């Protein structure tokens, strides 16, 4: 079990307790929203994203930010996120991401 009062974690598991999807909210930032390849397109990502947004609203957060991969860009656009930079940026100088935000 993870005890962390600053971040909000959510994990979806199957009947065998194997993780299928996870999300992490840290302050006004979605730090993670991932699904395993076998459940892509089955609604797990959207369910995780909605849960993170609901927790952000509960915390009084008006705007969420995240860094999307190119692969997930359309998913976030379909869910109301807007790209905030025309350029890809690098996380820790290595991992490319596209900054996005959504007003809640």
C-alpha atoms as a PDB file:
ATOM      1  CA  UNK A   1       0.000   0.000   0.000  1.00  0.00           C
ATOM      2  CA  UNK A   2       1.198   3.488  -0.831  1.00  0.00           C
ATOM      3  CA  UNK A   3       0.751   6.264   1.715  1.00  0.00           C
ATOM      4  CA  UNK A   4       1.182   9.647   0.104  1.00  0.00           C
ATOM      5  CA  UNK A   5      -0.874  12.678   1.078  1.00  0.00           C
ATOM      6  CA  UNK A   6       0.300  14.823  -1.845  1.00  0.00           C
ATOM      7  CA  UNK A   7      -0.541  12.467  -4.697  1.00  0.00           C
ATOM      8  CA  UNK A   8      -3.689  10.560  -5.611  1.00  0.00           C
ATOM      9  CA  UNK A   9      -3.219   7.049  -7.021  1.00  0.00           C
ATOM     10  CA  UNK A  10      -5.819   4.899  -8.743  1.00  0.00           C
ATOM     11  CA  UNK A  11      -5.293   1.397 -10.134  1.00  0.00           C
ATOM     12  CA  UNK A  12      -7.685  -0.839 -12.073  1.00  0.00           C
ATOM     13  CA  UNK A  13      -7.069  -4.564 -11.661  1.00  0.00           C
ATOM     14  CA  UNK A  14      -8.607  -7.709 -13.123  1.00  0.00           C
ATOM     15  CA  UNK A  15     -10.128 -10.614 -11.159  1.00  0.00           C
ATOM     16  CA  UNK A  16      -6.617 -12.001 -10.552  1.00  0.00           C
ATOM     17  CA  UNK A  17      -5.465  -8.654  -9.076  1.00  0.00           C
ATOM     18  CA  UNK A  18      -3.228  -7.961 -12.080  1.00  0.00           C
ATOM     19  CA  UNK A  19      -2.993  -4.254 -12.910  1.00  0.00           C
ATOM     20  CA  UNK A  20      -4.720  -3.120 -16.090  1.00  0.00           C
ATOM     21  CA  UNK A  21      -4.513   0.663 -15.740  1.00  0.00           C
ATOM     22  CA  UNK A  22      -3.195   3.300 -13.369  1.00  0.00           C
ATOM     23  CA  UNK A  23      -3.383   7.002 -12.801  1.00  0.00           C
ATOM     24  CA  UNK A  24      -1.510   9.473 -10.606  1.00  0.00           C
ATOM     25  CA  UNK A  25      -2.590  13.015  -9.780  1.00  0.00           C
ATOM     26  CA  UNK A  26       0.017  15.268  -8.189  1.00  0.00           C
ATOM     27  CA  UNK A  27      -1.188  18.772  -7.419  1.00  0.00           C
ATOM     28  CA  UNK A  28      -2.566  20.250 -10.643  1.00  0.00           C
ATOM     29  CA  UNK A  29      -0.750  17.713 -12.837  1.00  0.00           C
ATOM     30  CA  UNK A  30      -1.736  14.309 -14.138  1.00  0.00           C
ATOM     31  CA  UNK A  31       1.566  12.540 -13.659  1.00  0.00           C
ATOM     32  CA  UNK A  32       0.474   9.217 -15.118  1.00  0.00           C
ATOM     33  CA  UNK A  33      -2.468   7.742 -16.993  1.00  0.00           C
ATOM     34  CA  UNK A  34      -1.488   4.387 -18.442  1.00  0.00           C
ATOM     35  CA  UNK A  35      -3.244   1.240 -19.599  1.00  0.00           C
ATOM     36  CA  UNK A  36      -1.773  -2.124 -20.485  1.00  0.00           C
ATOM     37  CA  UNK A  37      -1.723  -2.875 -24.218  1.00  0.00           C
ATOM     38  CA  UNK A  38      -4.385  -5.595 -23.929  1.00  0.00           C
ATOM     39  CA  UNK A  39      -7.016  -3.127 -22.647  1.00  0.00           C
ATOM     40  CA  UNK A  40      -6.314  -0.157 -24.930  1.00  0.00           C
ATOM     41  CA  UNK A  41      -9.592   1.087 -26.389  1.00  0.00           C
ATOM     42  CA  UNK A  42     -11.776  -0.666 -23.790  1.00  0.00           C
ATOM     43  CA  UNK A  43     -12.557   2.385 -21.644  1.00  0.00           C
ATOM     44  CA  UNK A  44     -10.017   1.872 -18.873  1.00  0.00           C
ATOM     45  CA  UNK A  45      -7.997   4.943 -19.788  1.00  0.00           C
ATOM     46  CA  UNK A  46     -11.097   7.132 -19.892  1.00  0.00           C
ATOM     47  CA  UNK A  47     -12.298   5.747 -16.543  1.00  0.00           C
ATOM     48  CA  UNK A  48      -8.914   6.484 -14.940  1.00  0.00           C
ATOM     49  CA  UNK A  49      -8.823   9.972 -16.480  1.00  0.00           C
ATOM     50  CA  UNK A  50     -12.355  10.763 -15.251  1.00  0.00           C
ATOM     51  CA  UNK A  51     -11.455   9.575 -11.745  1.00  0.00           C
ATOM     52  CA  UNK A  52      -8.356  11.804 -11.716  1.00  0.00           C
ATOM     53  CA  UNK A  53     -10.395  14.778 -12.918  1.00  0.00           C
ATOM     54  CA  UNK A  54     -13.052  14.121 -10.255  1.00  0.00           C
ATOM     55  CA  UNK A  55     -10.386  14.054  -7.542  1.00  0.00           C
ATOM     56  CA  UNK A  56      -8.886  17.289  -8.891  1.00  0.00           C
ATOM     57  CA  UNK A  57     -12.303  18.961  -8.726  1.00  0.00           C
ATOM     58  CA  UNK A  58     -12.787  17.655  -5.185  1.00  0.00           C
ATOM     59  CA  UNK A  59      -9.460  19.291  -4.294  1.00  0.00           C
ATOM     60  CA  UNK A  60     -10.565  22.610  -5.811  1.00  0.00           C
ATOM     61  CA  UNK A  61      -8.203  22.419  -8.795  1.00  0.00           C
ATOM     62  CA  UNK A  62      -9.514  24.478 -11.728  1.00  0.00           C
ATOM     63  CA  UNK A  63      -6.948  23.498 -14.394  1.00  0.00           C
ATOM     64  CA  UNK A  64      -5.135  20.223 -14.985  1.00  0.00           C
ATOM     65  CA  UNK A  65      -1.859  19.901 -16.874  1.00  0.00           C
ATOM     66  CA  UNK A  66      -0.169  16.824 -18.305  1.00  0.00           C
ATOM     67  CA  UNK A  67       2.549  15.726 -20.672  1.00  0.00           C
ATOM     68  CA  UNK A  68       1.271  13.460 -23.440  1.00  0.00           C
ATOM     69  CA  UNK A  69       3.151  11.077 -25.657  1.00  0.00           C
ATOM     70  CA  UNK A  70       2.504  11.352 -29.397  1.00  0.00           C
ATOM     71  CA  UNK A  71       0.645   8.052 -29.156  1.00  0.00           C
ATOM     72  CA  UNK A  72      -1.829   9.354 -26.531  1.00  0.00           C
ATOM     73  CA  UNK A  73      -2.303  12.851 -27.981  1.00  0.00           C
ATOM     74  CA  UNK A  74      -5.637  12.120 -29.695  1.00  0.00           C
ATOM     75  CA  UNK A  75      -6.978  10.376 -26.566  1.00  0.00           C
ATOM     76  CA  UNK A  76      -6.412  13.518 -24.519  1.00  0.00           C
ATOM     77  CA  UNK A  77      -7.799  15.769 -27.264  1.00  0.00           C
ATOM     78  CA  UNK A  78     -10.982  13.685 -27.357  1.00  0.00           C
ATOM     79  CA  UNK A  79     -11.253  14.208 -23.610  1.00  0.00           C
ATOM     80  CA  UNK A  80     -11.021  17.994 -23.762  1.00  0.00           C
ATOM     81  CA  UNK A  81      -7.287  18.623 -23.335  1.00  0.00           C
ATOM     82  CA  UNK A  82      -5.602  21.325 -25.404  1.00  0.00           C
ATOM     83  CA  UNK A  83      -1.996  21.352 -26.533  1.00  0.00           C
ATOM     84  CA  UNK A  84      -0.128  24.273 -24.935  1.00  0.00           C
ATOM     85  CA  UNK A  85       3.013  24.165 -27.054  1.00  0.00           C
ATOM     86  CA  UNK A  86       3.581  23.485 -30.731  1.00  0.00           C
ATOM     87  CA  UNK A  87       6.857  21.805 -29.819  1.00  0.00           C
ATOM     88  CA  UNK A  88       7.608  18.507 -28.191  1.00  0.00           C
ATOM     89  CA  UNK A  89       9.560  18.985 -24.994  1.00  0.00           C
ATOM     90  CA  UNK A  90      11.915  16.588 -23.226  1.00  0.00           C
ATOM     91  CA  UNK A  91      11.352  15.239 -19.728  1.00  0.00           C
ATOM     92  CA  UNK A  92      14.713  15.030 -17.957  1.00  0.00           C
ATOM     93  CA  UNK A  93      16.275  15.748 -21.330  1.00  0.00           C
ATOM     94  CA  UNK A  94      15.333  12.300 -22.637  1.00  0.00           C
ATOM     95  CA  UNK A  95      11.599  11.485 -22.831  1.00  0.00           C
ATOM     96  CA  UNK A  96       9.614  13.455 -25.441  1.00  0.00           C
ATOM     97  CA  UNK A  97       6.217  14.796 -24.389  1.00  0.00           C
ATOM     98  CA  UNK A  98       3.602  17.288 -25.533  1.00  0.00           C
ATOM     99  CA  UNK A  99       2.317  19.672 -22.842  1.00  0.00           C
ATOM    100  CA  UNK A 100      -1.485  19.845 -22.534  1.00  0.00           C
ATOM    101  CA  UNK A 101      -4.066  21.343 -20.208  1.00  0.00           C
ATOM    102  CA  UNK A 102      -7.787  21.287 -19.468  1.00  0.00           C
ATOM    103  CA  UNK A 103      -9.977  23.680 -17.533  1.00  0.00           C
ATOM    104  CA  UNK A 104     -12.227  21.762 -15.187  1.00  0.00           C
END
